């Protein structure tokens, strides 16, 4: 296994993780920002007010995008398993 292959594998692993985590973190960020702006406008300073909407948004994103996430993970895993014979020198 060469250092180029290790770098390639690391890059693919990180890009797969980013593809999966970006929609989840983005939904939580957008809901948190929206609730934060609402709290600033109405001067309601309740710390627990952001928790339930964030959980709902993250849960909704997970339910809607699970097939896409599984497709990404399965594609990555298939490519990784297909390259196992190439690692043996």
Protein backbone atom coordinates (compact mmCIF):
# COMPACT_ATOMS: atom_id res chain seq x y z
CA UNK A 1 0.00 0.00 0.00
CA UNK A 2 1.55 3.26 -1.12
CA UNK A 3 1.30 6.66 0.50
CA UNK A 4 -0.69 7.91 -2.51
CA UNK A 5 -3.29 5.22 -1.91
CA UNK A 6 -3.52 6.11 1.77
CA UNK A 7 -4.05 9.77 0.85
CA UNK A 8 -6.67 8.79 -1.73
CA UNK A 9 -8.47 6.62 0.80
CA UNK A 10 -8.36 9.36 3.43
CA UNK A 11 -9.73 11.90 0.96
CA UNK A 12 -12.56 9.58 -0.11
CA UNK A 13 -13.42 8.79 3.50
CA UNK A 14 -13.58 12.46 4.45
CA UNK A 15 -15.62 13.41 1.39
CA UNK A 16 -18.09 10.61 2.12
CA UNK A 17 -18.42 11.75 5.72
CA UNK A 18 -18.95 15.35 4.61
CA UNK A 19 -21.60 14.32 2.08
CA UNK A 20 -23.49 12.51 4.81
CA UNK A 21 -23.07 15.03 7.61
CA UNK A 22 -23.52 18.30 5.69
CA UNK A 23 -27.32 18.08 5.24
CA UNK A 24 -27.83 17.07 8.87
CA UNK A 25 -25.61 19.80 10.28
CA UNK A 26 -26.98 22.34 7.80
CA UNK A 27 -30.56 21.67 8.87
CA UNK A 28 -29.62 22.04 12.54
CA UNK A 29 -27.72 25.24 11.78
CA UNK A 30 -30.56 26.81 9.79
CA UNK A 31 -33.19 25.96 12.41
CA UNK A 32 -30.95 27.20 15.21
CA UNK A 33 -30.30 30.45 13.36
CA UNK A 34 -34.00 30.94 12.66
CA UNK A 35 -34.99 30.30 16.26
CA UNK A 36 -32.14 32.52 17.46
CA UNK A 37 -33.35 35.39 15.29
CA UNK A 38 -36.90 34.80 16.55
CA UNK A 39 -35.66 34.89 20.14
CA UNK A 40 -33.72 38.10 19.51
CA UNK A 41 -36.73 39.80 17.91
CA UNK A 42 -39.19 38.75 20.60
CA UNK A 43 -36.67 38.96 23.48
CA UNK A 44 -37.55 35.45 24.62
CA UNK A 45 -34.36 34.06 26.14
CA UNK A 46 -35.31 30.45 26.72
CA UNK A 47 -32.38 28.08 26.18
CA UNK A 48 -34.57 25.01 25.64
CA UNK A 49 -36.61 26.66 22.88
CA UNK A 50 -34.06 25.74 20.20
CA UNK A 51 -33.70 22.10 21.25
CA UNK A 52 -37.04 20.66 20.05
CA UNK A 53 -37.07 22.38 16.61
CA UNK A 54 -33.46 21.30 15.99
CA UNK A 55 -34.29 17.72 16.93
CA UNK A 56 -37.34 17.77 14.67
CA UNK A 57 -35.38 19.20 11.73
CA UNK A 58 -32.53 16.71 12.11
CA UNK A 59 -35.02 13.84 12.43
CA UNK A 60 -36.89 14.99 9.33
CA UNK A 61 -33.68 15.29 7.31
CA UNK A 62 -32.61 11.82 8.45
CA UNK A 63 -35.96 10.29 7.50
CA UNK A 64 -36.01 11.96 4.09
CA UNK A 65 -32.37 11.37 3.14
CA UNK A 66 -31.69 7.88 4.56
CA UNK A 67 -31.94 6.24 1.09
CA UNK A 68 -29.41 8.72 -0.30
CA UNK A 69 -27.11 8.25 2.70
CA UNK A 70 -27.25 4.48 2.30
CA UNK A 71 -26.48 4.77 -1.40
CA UNK A 72 -23.39 6.88 -0.64
CA UNK A 73 -22.19 4.49 2.07
CA UNK A 74 -22.81 1.40 -0.07
CA UNK A 75 -21.00 2.92 -3.05
CA UNK A 76 -18.01 3.78 -0.86
CA UNK A 77 -17.97 0.31 0.69
CA UNK A 78 -18.22 -1.44 -2.68
CA UNK A 79 -15.33 0.62 -4.03
CA UNK A 80 -13.29 -0.15 -0.94
CA UNK A 81 -13.96 -3.90 -1.19
CA UNK A 82 -13.20 -3.87 -4.92
CA UNK A 83 -9.77 -2.40 -4.18
CA UNK A 84 -8.78 -5.02 -1.59
CA UNK A 85 -7.15 -7.33 -4.20
CA UNK A 86 -5.15 -4.38 -5.51
CA UNK A 87 -3.61 -3.79 -2.07
CA UNK A 88 -1.79 -7.12 -2.05
CA UNK A 89 1.61 -6.83 -3.67
